[in-house]
């Protein structure tokens, strides 16, 4: 049984690169894509268009920092202050090198802060490593959503 990966990314180029990288890592996990922070919170809270989704949490949230509607730091803060969500691993995946962004992310409880490499090969390798670690190797907390592994 595999848990989905929640990918919160608004930039079409970064979204495509991330999906290519996850695919190349040969993860069988479903990748749920949302394009803004509000949609991420709806998915996690099972509200709005996600009110009927299955119970349980994703294996990991790959979260962009600069998002429309609700930014990544606000999403992270909500995740860390909401009991059913607090134990979900969150990886900030962003282009921001700003020390204040890194510091604030860790103060709010991010598990990892990864600056998106600008070179394609590095980006693919970084995403593949993240996906394998959080979706396969990391033992999730109780209550995480698990889906059946797809047979190939």
Protein backbone atom coordinates (compact mmCIF):
# COMPACT_ATOMS: atom_id res chain seq x y z
CA UNK A 1 0.00 0.00 0.00
CA UNK A 2 1.45 3.34 -1.06
CA UNK A 3 0.57 6.82 0.12
CA UNK A 4 0.20 9.67 -2.34
CA UNK A 5 2.65 12.54 -2.63
CA UNK A 6 1.03 15.97 -2.42
CA UNK A 7 2.80 18.36 -4.80
CA UNK A 8 1.93 22.02 -4.27
CA UNK A 9 3.40 23.97 -7.19
CA UNK A 10 2.06 26.86 -9.26
CA UNK A 11 4.87 27.25 -11.82
CA UNK A 12 4.07 25.09 -14.89
CA UNK A 13 7.77 24.59 -15.74
CA UNK A 14 8.73 23.51 -12.20
CA UNK A 15 5.64 21.30 -12.03
CA UNK A 16 6.59 19.51 -15.26
CA UNK A 17 10.21 19.08 -14.17
CA UNK A 18 9.15 17.71 -10.79
CA UNK A 19 6.77 15.22 -12.39
CA UNK A 20 9.47 14.07 -14.83
CA UNK A 21 11.90 13.63 -11.95
CA UNK A 22 9.41 11.65 -9.86
CA UNK A 23 8.60 9.48 -12.87
CA UNK A 24 12.29 8.80 -13.53
CA UNK A 25 12.69 7.67 -9.93
CA UNK A 26 10.09 4.99 -10.77
CA UNK A 27 7.93 5.68 -7.74
CA UNK A 28 4.53 4.05 -7.97
CA UNK A 29 2.98 6.59 -5.60
CA UNK A 30 0.13 8.66 -6.94
CA UNK A 31 1.11 12.33 -7.18
CA UNK A 32 -1.71 14.70 -6.25
CA UNK A 33 -1.11 18.13 -7.77
CA UNK A 34 -2.55 21.37 -6.47
CA UNK A 35 -1.63 24.80 -7.82
CA UNK A 36 -2.06 27.07 -4.79
CA UNK A 37 -1.96 27.07 -1.02
CA UNK A 38 -5.72 27.28 -0.63
CA UNK A 39 -6.21 24.12 -2.69
CA UNK A 40 -3.51 22.38 -0.63
CA UNK A 41 -5.37 23.19 2.58
CA UNK A 42 -8.65 22.03 1.02
CA UNK A 43 -7.02 18.73 0.05
CA UNK A 44 -5.48 18.21 3.48
CA UNK A 45 -8.66 19.21 5.30
CA UNK A 46 -10.91 17.22 2.97
CA UNK A 47 -12.98 20.27 2.13
CA UNK A 48 -14.09 22.11 -1.01
CA UNK A 49 -13.51 20.01 -4.12
CA UNK A 50 -11.65 17.42 -2.00
CA UNK A 51 -14.47 16.83 0.51
CA UNK A 52 -15.03 13.31 -0.86
CA UNK A 53 -11.42 12.16 -1.01
CA UNK A 54 -10.38 9.10 0.99
CA UNK A 55 -9.36 9.60 4.61
CA UNK A 56 -5.69 9.70 5.55
CA UNK A 57 -2.69 11.89 4.93
CA UNK A 58 -0.16 11.90 2.10
CA UNK A 59 3.31 10.37 2.51
CA UNK A 60 4.90 13.79 2.09
CA UNK A 61 4.03 17.31 1.01
CA UNK A 62 6.37 18.88 -1.55
CA UNK A 63 5.54 22.52 -0.97
CA UNK A 64 6.56 25.57 -2.96
CA UNK A 65 7.18 28.69 -0.90
CA UNK A 66 5.72 31.37 -3.14
CA UNK A 67 2.16 30.36 -3.98
CA UNK A 68 -1.02 32.20 -4.95
CA UNK A 69 -3.88 32.67 -2.45
CA UNK A 70 -2.10 31.13 0.58
CA UNK A 71 1.71 31.07 0.58
CA UNK A 72 3.83 28.05 1.49
CA UNK A 73 4.71 29.34 4.95
CA UNK A 74 1.03 29.76 5.80
CA UNK A 75 0.28 26.24 4.56
CA UNK A 76 3.17 24.90 6.64
CA UNK A 77 1.96 26.78 9.73
CA UNK A 78 -1.55 25.36 9.31
CA UNK A 79 -0.20 21.82 8.85
CA UNK A 80 1.94 22.09 11.99
CA UNK A 81 -0.89 23.51 14.12
CA UNK A 82 -3.61 21.06 13.02
CA UNK A 83 -3.59 17.79 14.98
CA UNK A 84 -4.46 15.31 12.20
CA UNK A 85 -1.88 16.94 9.88
CA UNK A 86 0.98 17.85 12.19
CA UNK A 87 3.05 14.69 11.62
CA UNK A 88 3.03 14.82 7.79
CA UNK A 89 6.57 15.33 6.48
CA UNK A 90 6.83 18.64 4.64
CA UNK A 91 9.63 19.47 2.22
CA UNK A 92 9.86 23.10 1.17
CA UNK A 93 10.86 22.93 -2.48
CA UNK A 94 11.62 26.46 -3.62
CA UNK A 95 13.89 28.72 -5.60
CA UNK A 96 14.35 31.06 -2.63
CA UNK A 97 17.82 31.25 -1.10
CA UNK A 98 16.64 33.97 1.31
CA UNK A 99 17.92 33.31 4.81
CA UNK A 100 14.66 34.62 6.29
CA UNK A 101 12.65 32.07 4.26
CA UNK A 102 14.91 29.20 5.35
CA UNK A 103 14.84 30.30 9.00
CA UNK A 104 11.07 30.84 9.07
CA UNK A 105 10.44 27.47 7.41
CA UNK A 106 12.45 25.65 10.07
CA UNK A 107 10.85 27.70 12.86
CA UNK A 108 7.46 26.52 11.59
CA UNK A 109 8.59 22.88 11.55
CA UNK A 110 9.57 22.03 7.97
CA UNK A 111 11.35 18.68 7.66
CA UNK A 112 13.64 19.78 4.84
CA UNK A 113 14.31 22.91 2.81
CA UNK A 114 15.50 22.26 -0.73
CA UNK A 115 16.47 25.01 -3.15
CA UNK A 116 15.49 24.01 -6.66
CA UNK A 117 18.61 23.46 -8.75
CA UNK A 118 18.51 25.41 -11.99
CA UNK A 119 20.33 22.69 -13.96
CA UNK A 120 17.94 20.00 -15.20
CA UNK A 121 20.06 16.95 -14.26
CA UNK A 122 20.60 18.23 -10.70
CA UNK A 123 16.90 19.02 -10.36
CA UNK A 124 15.87 15.52 -11.51
CA UNK A 125 18.35 13.89 -9.11
CA UNK A 126 17.24 16.05 -6.17
CA UNK A 127 13.54 15.32 -6.72
CA UNK A 128 14.13 11.62 -7.27
CA UNK A 129 16.11 11.41 -4.01
CA UNK A 130 13.38 13.29 -2.14
CA UNK A 131 10.64 11.10 -3.53
CA UNK A 132 12.43 7.86 -2.73
CA UNK A 133 13.28 8.94 0.81
CA UNK A 134 9.89 10.32 1.86
CA UNK A 135 7.61 8.01 -0.11
CA UNK A 136 9.52 4.73 0.22
CA UNK A 137 12.18 4.74 2.95
CA UNK A 138 10.60 6.96 5.61
CA UNK A 139 8.24 5.18 7.99
CA UNK A 140 5.09 7.35 8.09
CA UNK A 141 3.21 8.20 11.26
CA UNK A 142 0.00 6.31 12.06
CA UNK A 143 -3.00 7.68 10.18
CA UNK A 144 -1.19 8.29 6.91
CA UNK A 145 -3.20 7.48 3.83
CA UNK A 146 -2.05 4.34 2.07
CA UNK A 147 -3.19 3.26 -1.36
CA UNK A 148 -2.64 -0.07 -3.05
CA UNK A 149 0.59 -0.42 -5.01
CA UNK A 150 -0.12 -0.54 -8.72
CA UNK A 151 0.96 -3.76 -10.40
CA UNK A 152 2.98 -3.22 -13.52
